[in-house]
Every structure is written in C-alpha cells, then in structure tokens.
Amino acid sequence: MIIKYLSFSISIAFISWIVGMLINAFIRKTDFYHNHLNHLNFIKSEKLNKIIGLPVFKWIVKNTFFKFFNQKLKLKGKIDKADLIKLRAEMTTSETDHLIAFIFVTCFAIVAFYNFKFKSGGITMFVNILMNLYPSLLQQENKRRIDQFINKF
C-alpha cells in the first residue's frame, strides 16, 4: 500500500510542476509578481538552511539526474551583470513554479487527511516537500547569492 501512495505522490508532484508553470505563466505579467513574488525569502538564516538539510539537497540536485531538469539555470563563460539579472529572473520563475506546485499538492494532502487517510496524506506531503518546497528554498538561497554578486557590479 505504501508503494501505491508513494507512486501516486510522485505522479501528482510531476503533474504539479506543469500546473505551477501554467499558473505562473499567467501571474508573471502582474504587478503582484514583480512587487512581491520576486522578493520572497522564507528562510534568511544560513544556519537554519543547514539544519533542514538544504546543502544536502543542493548536492543531490547538482550531482544527480536532477541537474538536467532546468538548463536555463546555468552560467557559462564570462559573466556580466545582465547575465546575473537574467539568471535571477529565471530562478524567480522556477521558485514560483515550485511554490504554486507545492500549494497544489498540499490540497491533495489536506483532502487525504480530511478523509482520514493519514498515511496517504503524510507520504504525499513528504514527497511534496522534497519535490516542491526544497527546490523553492534552494532557489531563494541561490537568489540571495546572486544578489550579492549583482551588488558588487
């Protein structure tokens, strides 16, 4: 039964990425996106990032097949301020995609909990955290680092 819940959770997480991209495509043109979502920062503390395992997650993304998922998030050659600004915008888009996807999958988990399917809801939330929340937090950390480089230019 756990395999069934796990496969459903992974499937819904992949579907949520598409949902996140579609919804984000609509809101990206709004002032709300540029004024608020562009500057999200849930965890500002590097220490807390280490406690929740973000460096481990970052290593996994950099050293496994996940590194092939979003090729727009790479810099090559000589870097200038315009490249950093473009990269930051791509990271914001990716971050927002994952946050929308996180909310989408959370709805499925809440319905499972409401129907007293605690194992299903728990596994769904666990997979959701790994596949949507952590990537979003990683993008926020990377955006903070890029902001430092942009300020040096």
N, C-alpha and C. Protein backbone atom coordinates (compact mmCIF):
# COMPACT_ATOMS: atom_id res chain seq x y z
N MET A 1 0.81 -1.19 0.00
CA MET A 1 0.00 0.00 0.00
C MET A 1 0.87 1.27 0.00
N ILE A 2 2.00 1.20 0.69
CA ILE A 2 2.89 2.36 0.75
C ILE A 2 3.44 2.66 -0.65
N ILE A 3 3.74 1.61 -1.42
CA ILE A 3 4.24 1.80 -2.79
C ILE A 3 3.19 2.53 -3.63
N LYS A 4 1.94 2.17 -3.43
CA LYS A 4 0.84 2.82 -4.16
C LYS A 4 0.79 4.31 -3.80
N TYR A 5 0.87 4.63 -2.52
CA TYR A 5 0.84 6.03 -2.07
C TYR A 5 2.05 6.80 -2.59
N LEU A 6 3.20 6.14 -2.55
CA LEU A 6 4.43 6.78 -3.00
C LEU A 6 4.38 7.06 -4.50
N SER A 7 3.93 6.09 -5.28
CA SER A 7 3.85 6.32 -6.73
C SER A 7 2.82 7.39 -7.07
N PHE A 8 1.70 7.42 -6.34
CA PHE A 8 0.71 8.48 -6.56
C PHE A 8 1.31 9.84 -6.20
N SER A 9 2.03 9.90 -5.11
CA SER A 9 2.62 11.17 -4.67
C SER A 9 3.64 11.70 -5.67
N ILE A 10 4.46 10.81 -6.18
CA ILE A 10 5.46 11.23 -7.17
C ILE A 10 4.77 11.68 -8.45
N SER A 11 3.74 10.94 -8.86
CA SER A 11 3.00 11.31 -10.06
C SER A 11 2.34 12.67 -9.92
N ILE A 12 1.69 12.90 -8.80
CA ILE A 12 1.00 14.18 -8.59
C ILE A 12 2.01 15.32 -8.47
N ALA A 13 3.20 15.02 -7.95
CA ALA A 13 4.25 16.05 -7.87
C ALA A 13 4.73 16.45 -9.26
N PHE A 14 4.92 15.47 -10.14
CA PHE A 14 5.31 15.80 -11.52
C PHE A 14 4.22 16.59 -12.22
N ILE A 15 2.98 16.20 -12.03
CA ILE A 15 1.85 16.93 -12.62
C ILE A 15 1.79 18.35 -12.05
N SER A 16 2.11 18.48 -10.77
CA SER A 16 2.05 19.80 -10.13
C SER A 16 3.05 20.76 -10.75
N TRP A 17 4.17 20.24 -11.26
CA TRP A 17 5.14 21.12 -11.92
C TRP A 17 4.50 21.77 -13.14
N ILE A 18 3.74 21.01 -13.89
CA ILE A 18 3.07 21.56 -15.08
C ILE A 18 2.03 22.58 -14.66
N VAL A 19 1.26 22.25 -13.62
CA VAL A 19 0.26 23.18 -13.10
C VAL A 19 0.93 24.47 -12.64
N GLY A 20 2.03 24.34 -11.93
CA GLY A 20 2.78 25.50 -11.45
C GLY A 20 3.26 26.38 -12.59
N MET A 21 3.77 25.76 -13.65
CA MET A 21 4.25 26.53 -14.80
C MET A 21 3.10 27.25 -15.50
N LEU A 22 1.97 26.58 -15.63
CA LEU A 22 0.82 27.19 -16.30
C LEU A 22 0.28 28.39 -15.51
N ILE A 23 0.09 28.21 -14.23
CA ILE A 23 -0.44 29.31 -13.40
C ILE A 23 0.57 30.45 -13.34
N ASN A 24 1.83 30.11 -13.20
CA ASN A 24 2.87 31.13 -13.13
C ASN A 24 2.96 31.93 -14.43
N ALA A 25 2.69 31.28 -15.56
CA ALA A 25 2.72 31.99 -16.84
C ALA A 25 1.69 33.12 -16.87
N PHE A 26 0.57 32.91 -16.18
CA PHE A 26 -0.46 33.95 -16.14
C PHE A 26 -0.12 35.06 -15.14
N ILE A 27 0.38 34.67 -13.97
CA ILE A 27 0.62 35.70 -12.94
C ILE A 27 1.94 36.44 -13.14
N ARG A 28 2.82 35.92 -13.99
CA ARG A 28 4.12 36.54 -14.21
C ARG A 28 3.98 37.95 -14.79
N LYS A 29 2.88 38.23 -15.43
CA LYS A 29 2.68 39.53 -16.06
C LYS A 29 2.03 40.55 -15.13
N THR A 30 1.80 40.19 -13.88
CA THR A 30 1.11 41.07 -12.95
C THR A 30 2.10 41.86 -12.09
N ASP A 31 1.59 42.94 -11.53
CA ASP A 31 2.41 43.74 -10.60
C ASP A 31 2.69 42.95 -9.32
N PHE A 32 1.73 42.13 -8.89
CA PHE A 32 1.91 41.33 -7.69
C PHE A 32 3.16 40.45 -7.81
N TYR A 33 3.35 39.87 -8.96
CA TYR A 33 4.52 39.01 -9.19
C TYR A 33 5.81 39.81 -9.05
N HIS A 34 5.86 40.95 -9.71
CA HIS A 34 7.09 41.74 -9.70
C HIS A 34 7.33 42.45 -8.37
N ASN A 35 6.28 42.79 -7.66
CA ASN A 35 6.45 43.51 -6.40
C ASN A 35 6.61 42.60 -5.19
N HIS A 36 6.01 41.41 -5.22
CA HIS A 36 6.01 40.55 -4.04
C HIS A 36 6.72 39.21 -4.27
N LEU A 37 6.31 38.49 -5.29
CA LEU A 37 6.87 37.16 -5.51
C LEU A 37 8.33 37.21 -5.93
N ASN A 38 8.74 38.30 -6.52
CA ASN A 38 10.13 38.45 -6.96
C ASN A 38 11.10 38.54 -5.78
N HIS A 39 10.60 38.87 -4.61
CA HIS A 39 11.47 39.09 -3.46
C HIS A 39 11.12 38.20 -2.27
N LEU A 40 10.55 37.03 -2.54
CA LEU A 40 10.24 36.11 -1.45
C LEU A 40 11.52 35.62 -0.79
N ASN A 41 11.45 35.45 0.51
CA ASN A 41 12.61 34.96 1.25
C ASN A 41 12.11 34.34 2.55
N PHE A 42 11.80 33.05 2.51
CA PHE A 42 11.23 32.39 3.68
C PHE A 42 12.25 32.17 4.78
N ILE A 43 13.43 31.69 4.41
CA ILE A 43 14.46 31.38 5.40
C ILE A 43 15.69 32.21 5.08
N LYS A 44 15.98 33.17 5.92
CA LYS A 44 17.12 34.05 5.69
C LYS A 44 18.38 33.51 6.36
N SER A 45 18.23 32.64 7.31
CA SER A 45 19.34 32.15 8.11
C SER A 45 20.06 30.99 7.41
N GLU A 46 21.36 31.16 7.19
CA GLU A 46 22.16 30.07 6.63
C GLU A 46 22.21 28.88 7.59
N LYS A 47 22.20 29.16 8.88
CA LYS A 47 22.25 28.09 9.88
C LYS A 47 20.98 27.23 9.80
N LEU A 48 19.83 27.88 9.67
CA LEU A 48 18.58 27.13 9.56
C LEU A 48 18.54 26.33 8.26
N ASN A 49 19.08 26.88 7.19
CA ASN A 49 19.17 26.14 5.93
C ASN A 49 19.98 24.86 6.12
N LYS A 50 21.07 24.95 6.87
CA LYS A 50 21.88 23.76 7.13
C LYS A 50 21.13 22.76 8.00
N ILE A 51 20.39 23.25 8.99
CA ILE A 51 19.65 22.37 9.89
C ILE A 51 18.60 21.56 9.13
N ILE A 52 17.91 22.20 8.18
CA ILE A 52 16.85 21.48 7.46
C ILE A 52 17.41 20.64 6.30
N GLY A 53 18.71 20.69 6.08
CA GLY A 53 19.34 19.83 5.09
C GLY A 53 19.40 20.39 3.68
N LEU A 54 19.31 21.69 3.54
CA LEU A 54 19.36 22.29 2.20
C LEU A 54 20.70 22.04 1.50
N PRO A 55 21.84 22.07 2.20
CA PRO A 55 23.10 21.76 1.50
C PRO A 55 23.12 20.33 0.92
N VAL A 56 22.54 19.38 1.62
CA VAL A 56 22.45 18.01 1.12
C VAL A 56 21.58 17.97 -0.13
N PHE A 57 20.44 18.67 -0.06
CA PHE A 57 19.54 18.72 -1.21
C PHE A 57 20.24 19.37 -2.40
N LYS A 58 21.00 20.42 -2.14
CA LYS A 58 21.74 21.11 -3.20
C LYS A 58 22.75 20.15 -3.85
N TRP A 59 23.44 19.36 -3.04
CA TRP A 59 24.39 18.39 -3.57
C TRP A 59 23.67 17.37 -4.45
N ILE A 60 22.50 16.91 -4.01
CA ILE A 60 21.73 15.94 -4.79
C ILE A 60 21.34 16.52 -6.14
N VAL A 61 20.88 17.76 -6.14
CA VAL A 61 20.46 18.41 -7.39
C VAL A 61 21.67 18.57 -8.33
N LYS A 62 22.82 18.95 -7.79
CA LYS A 62 23.99 19.19 -8.62
C LYS A 62 24.63 17.91 -9.15
N ASN A 63 24.49 16.79 -8.44
CA ASN A 63 25.25 15.58 -8.76
C ASN A 63 24.40 14.39 -9.20
N THR A 64 23.13 14.59 -9.50
CA THR A 64 22.29 13.50 -9.98
C THR A 64 21.58 13.96 -11.26
N PHE A 65 20.67 13.15 -11.73
CA PHE A 65 19.94 13.46 -12.97
C PHE A 65 19.12 14.74 -12.85
N PHE A 66 18.86 15.24 -11.65
CA PHE A 66 18.10 16.47 -11.49
C PHE A 66 18.81 17.67 -12.12
N LYS A 67 20.12 17.58 -12.27
CA LYS A 67 20.86 18.70 -12.85
C LYS A 67 20.48 18.96 -14.30
N PHE A 68 19.82 18.01 -14.94
CA PHE A 68 19.41 18.18 -16.33
C PHE A 68 18.02 18.78 -16.47
N PHE A 69 17.31 19.01 -15.37
CA PHE A 69 15.92 19.45 -15.45
C PHE A 69 15.75 20.87 -15.95
N ASN A 70 16.46 21.83 -15.42
CA ASN A 70 16.30 23.22 -15.85
C ASN A 70 17.65 23.77 -16.29
N GLN A 71 17.92 23.64 -17.56
CA GLN A 71 19.21 24.05 -18.10
C GLN A 71 19.37 25.57 -18.17
N LYS A 72 18.29 26.32 -18.00
CA LYS A 72 18.37 27.78 -18.04
C LYS A 72 19.06 28.34 -16.79
N LEU A 73 19.21 27.52 -15.77
CA LEU A 73 19.77 28.00 -14.51
C LEU A 73 21.27 27.76 -14.42
N LYS A 74 21.96 27.94 -15.52
CA LYS A 74 23.40 27.76 -15.54
C LYS A 74 24.05 28.96 -16.22
N LEU A 75 25.25 29.27 -15.76
CA LEU A 75 26.05 30.33 -16.38
C LEU A 75 27.31 29.70 -16.95
N LYS A 76 27.70 30.19 -18.13
CA LYS A 76 28.92 29.68 -18.75
C LYS A 76 29.74 30.84 -19.26
N GLY A 77 31.04 30.69 -19.20
CA GLY A 77 31.92 31.73 -19.73
C GLY A 77 31.99 32.94 -18.83
N LYS A 78 32.34 34.05 -19.44
CA LYS A 78 32.47 35.30 -18.70
C LYS A 78 31.07 35.83 -18.35
N ILE A 79 30.93 36.28 -17.12
CA ILE A 79 29.63 36.68 -16.60
C ILE A 79 29.60 38.19 -16.42
N ASP A 80 28.51 38.81 -16.85
CA ASP A 80 28.33 40.23 -16.59
C ASP A 80 27.02 40.42 -15.82
N LYS A 81 26.75 41.65 -15.47
CA LYS A 81 25.58 41.97 -14.64
C LYS A 81 24.27 41.56 -15.33
N ALA A 82 24.18 41.76 -16.62
CA ALA A 82 22.96 41.41 -17.37
C ALA A 82 22.69 39.90 -17.29
N ASP A 83 23.76 39.09 -17.37
CA ASP A 83 23.61 37.64 -17.25
C ASP A 83 23.08 37.26 -15.87
N LEU A 84 23.59 37.92 -14.84
CA LEU A 84 23.15 37.63 -13.48
C LEU A 84 21.69 38.03 -13.27
N ILE A 85 21.30 39.15 -13.83
CA ILE A 85 19.91 39.60 -13.70
C ILE A 85 18.97 38.64 -14.42
N LYS A 86 19.39 38.18 -15.60
CA LYS A 86 18.58 37.20 -16.35
C LYS A 86 18.48 35.88 -15.58
N LEU A 87 19.60 35.43 -15.02
CA LEU A 87 19.61 34.20 -14.23
C LEU A 87 18.70 34.34 -13.02
N ARG A 88 18.75 35.48 -12.36
CA ARG A 88 17.90 35.71 -11.18
C ARG A 88 16.43 35.65 -11.57
N ALA A 89 16.09 36.21 -12.72
CA ALA A 89 14.69 36.17 -13.19
C ALA A 89 14.26 34.73 -13.46
N GLU A 90 15.13 33.93 -14.05
CA GLU A 90 14.82 32.52 -14.28
C GLU A 90 14.65 31.77 -12.97
N MET A 91 15.47 32.10 -11.98
CA MET A 91 15.35 31.46 -10.67
C MET A 91 14.04 31.84 -9.99
N THR A 92 13.64 33.09 -10.14
CA THR A 92 12.37 33.53 -9.57
C THR A 92 11.21 32.77 -10.22
N THR A 93 11.28 32.59 -11.52
CA THR A 93 10.25 31.84 -12.23
C THR A 93 10.21 30.40 -11.72
N SER A 94 11.36 29.77 -11.61
CA SER A 94 11.43 28.40 -11.12
C SER A 94 10.92 28.29 -9.69
N GLU A 95 11.34 29.23 -8.87
CA GLU A 95 10.91 29.25 -7.47
C GLU A 95 9.38 29.36 -7.37
N THR A 96 8.80 30.26 -8.14
CA THR A 96 7.36 30.47 -8.11
C THR A 96 6.62 29.26 -8.66
N ASP A 97 7.16 28.65 -9.72
CA ASP A 97 6.57 27.41 -10.25
C ASP A 97 6.46 26.37 -9.14
N HIS A 98 7.55 26.18 -8.41
CA HIS A 98 7.57 25.18 -7.35
C HIS A 98 6.65 25.54 -6.18
N LEU A 99 6.56 26.82 -5.85
CA LEU A 99 5.66 27.23 -4.76
C LEU A 99 4.19 26.98 -5.13
N ILE A 100 3.83 27.30 -6.36
CA ILE A 100 2.46 27.03 -6.82
C ILE A 100 2.21 25.53 -6.82
N ALA A 101 3.18 24.77 -7.29
CA ALA A 101 3.06 23.31 -7.29
C ALA A 101 2.93 22.78 -5.86
N PHE A 102 3.68 23.36 -4.93
CA PHE A 102 3.60 22.95 -3.53
C PHE A 102 2.18 23.15 -2.98
N ILE A 103 1.60 24.30 -3.27
CA ILE A 103 0.23 24.58 -2.81
C ILE A 103 -0.75 23.61 -3.45
N PHE A 104 -0.57 23.33 -4.73
CA PHE A 104 -1.44 22.40 -5.45
C PHE A 104 -1.43 21.02 -4.80
N VAL A 105 -0.26 20.48 -4.55
CA VAL A 105 -0.15 19.13 -3.96
C VAL A 105 -0.61 19.15 -2.50
N THR A 106 -0.38 20.24 -1.80
CA THR A 106 -0.85 20.35 -0.41
C THR A 106 -2.36 20.18 -0.34
N CYS A 107 -3.07 20.68 -1.34
CA CYS A 107 -4.53 20.49 -1.38
C CYS A 107 -4.89 19.01 -1.41
N PHE A 108 -4.15 18.21 -2.19
CA PHE A 108 -4.40 16.77 -2.24
C PHE A 108 -4.14 16.14 -0.87
N ALA A 109 -3.07 16.57 -0.21
CA ALA A 109 -2.74 16.02 1.10
C ALA A 109 -3.79 16.40 2.13
N ILE A 110 -4.29 17.62 2.07
CA ILE A 110 -5.33 18.05 3.02
C ILE A 110 -6.59 17.23 2.83
N VAL A 111 -6.96 16.97 1.57
CA VAL A 111 -8.14 16.14 1.30
C VAL A 111 -7.92 14.73 1.86
N ALA A 112 -6.72 14.19 1.69
CA ALA A 112 -6.43 12.86 2.24
C ALA A 112 -6.54 12.88 3.76
N PHE A 113 -5.99 13.87 4.42
CA PHE A 113 -6.09 13.98 5.87
C PHE A 113 -7.55 14.14 6.30
N TYR A 114 -8.29 14.94 5.56
CA TYR A 114 -9.72 15.16 5.88
C TYR A 114 -10.50 13.86 5.79
N ASN A 115 -10.12 12.99 4.85
CA ASN A 115 -10.77 11.69 4.68
C ASN A 115 -10.14 10.60 5.54
N PHE A 116 -9.34 11.00 6.53
CA PHE A 116 -8.70 10.10 7.48
C PHE A 116 -7.74 9.12 6.81
N LYS A 117 -7.15 9.52 5.71
CA LYS A 117 -6.13 8.73 5.04
C LYS A 117 -4.78 9.34 5.39
N PHE A 118 -4.40 9.16 6.64
CA PHE A 118 -3.22 9.83 7.18
C PHE A 118 -1.92 9.35 6.53
N LYS A 119 -1.83 8.06 6.24
CA LYS A 119 -0.63 7.53 5.61
C LYS A 119 -0.47 8.12 4.20
N SER A 120 -1.55 8.15 3.46
CA SER A 120 -1.53 8.72 2.10
C SER A 120 -1.19 10.22 2.15
N GLY A 121 -1.83 10.95 3.03
CA GLY A 121 -1.58 12.38 3.16
C GLY A 121 -0.16 12.67 3.62
N GLY A 122 0.34 11.87 4.55
CA GLY A 122 1.70 12.06 5.05
C GLY A 122 2.75 11.80 3.99
N ILE A 123 2.58 10.72 3.25
CA ILE A 123 3.53 10.40 2.18
C ILE A 123 3.47 11.46 1.09
N THR A 124 2.25 11.91 0.76
CA THR A 124 2.09 12.96 -0.24
C THR A 124 2.80 14.24 0.19
N MET A 125 2.65 14.62 1.44
CA MET A 125 3.32 15.84 1.92
C MET A 125 4.84 15.67 1.96
N PHE A 126 5.30 14.49 2.33
CA PHE A 126 6.75 14.24 2.35
C PHE A 126 7.35 14.40 0.96
N VAL A 127 6.72 13.76 -0.03
CA VAL A 127 7.19 13.87 -1.41
C VAL A 127 7.06 15.32 -1.89
N ASN A 128 5.97 15.98 -1.51
CA ASN A 128 5.74 17.37 -1.90
C ASN A 128 6.84 18.28 -1.35
N ILE A 129 7.22 18.07 -0.13
CA ILE A 129 8.29 18.87 0.47
C ILE A 129 9.60 18.66 -0.28
N LEU A 130 9.91 17.40 -0.61
CA LEU A 130 11.17 17.12 -1.31
C LEU A 130 11.17 17.62 -2.75
N MET A 131 10.03 17.54 -3.43
CA MET A 131 10.00 17.85 -4.86
C MET A 131 9.53 19.26 -5.18
N ASN A 132 8.97 19.96 -4.20
CA ASN A 132 8.49 21.31 -4.47
C ASN A 132 8.99 22.36 -3.48
N LEU A 133 8.91 22.08 -2.20
CA LEU A 133 9.33 23.09 -1.22
C LEU A 133 10.85 23.27 -1.21
N TYR A 134 11.59 22.17 -1.15
CA TYR A 134 13.05 22.28 -1.11
C TYR A 134 13.62 22.94 -2.37
N PRO A 135 13.14 22.60 -3.58
CA PRO A 135 13.66 23.33 -4.74
C PRO A 135 13.38 24.83 -4.66
N SER A 136 12.23 25.20 -4.13
CA SER A 136 11.91 26.61 -3.99
C SER A 136 12.84 27.28 -2.98
N LEU A 137 13.09 26.63 -1.88
CA LEU A 137 14.02 27.18 -0.88
C LEU A 137 15.44 27.28 -1.43
N LEU A 138 15.82 26.30 -2.24
CA LEU A 138 17.15 26.33 -2.86
C LEU A 138 17.26 27.52 -3.82
N GLN A 139 16.21 27.79 -4.58
CA GLN A 139 16.22 28.94 -5.48
C GLN A 139 16.32 30.25 -4.68
N GLN A 140 15.64 30.31 -3.55
CA GLN A 140 15.73 31.51 -2.72
C GLN A 140 17.16 31.72 -2.23
N GLU A 141 17.80 30.64 -1.80
CA GLU A 141 19.18 30.76 -1.33
C GLU A 141 20.09 31.20 -2.48
N ASN A 142 19.90 30.62 -3.64
CA ASN A 142 20.72 31.00 -4.79
C ASN A 142 20.48 32.44 -5.21
N LYS A 143 19.24 32.90 -5.13
CA LYS A 143 18.94 34.29 -5.46
C LYS A 143 19.65 35.25 -4.50
N ARG A 144 19.72 34.88 -3.23
CA ARG A 144 20.44 35.73 -2.28
C ARG A 144 21.91 35.83 -2.66
N ARG A 145 22.50 34.72 -3.08
CA ARG A 145 23.90 34.73 -3.50
C ARG A 145 24.08 35.57 -4.77
N ILE A 146 23.17 35.44 -5.70
CA ILE A 146 23.26 36.23 -6.93
C ILE A 146 23.09 37.71 -6.64
N ASP A 147 22.19 38.06 -5.71
CA ASP A 147 22.01 39.46 -5.33
C ASP A 147 23.32 40.06 -4.83
N GLN A 148 24.10 39.27 -4.09
CA GLN A 148 25.39 39.76 -3.62
C GLN A 148 26.33 40.06 -4.77
N PHE A 149 26.34 39.17 -5.78
CA PHE A 149 27.18 39.40 -6.96
C PHE A 149 26.71 40.61 -7.75
N ILE A 150 25.40 40.76 -7.89
CA ILE A 150 24.85 41.89 -8.64
C ILE A 150 25.24 43.20 -7.94
N ASN A 151 25.18 43.22 -6.63
CA ASN A 151 25.53 44.43 -5.87
C ASN A 151 27.01 44.78 -6.00
N LYS A 152 27.87 43.78 -6.27
CA LYS A 152 29.30 44.05 -6.45
C LYS A 152 29.60 44.70 -7.78
N PHE A 153 28.74 44.46 -8.79
CA PHE A 153 28.97 45.04 -10.13
C PHE A 153 28.75 46.53 -10.14
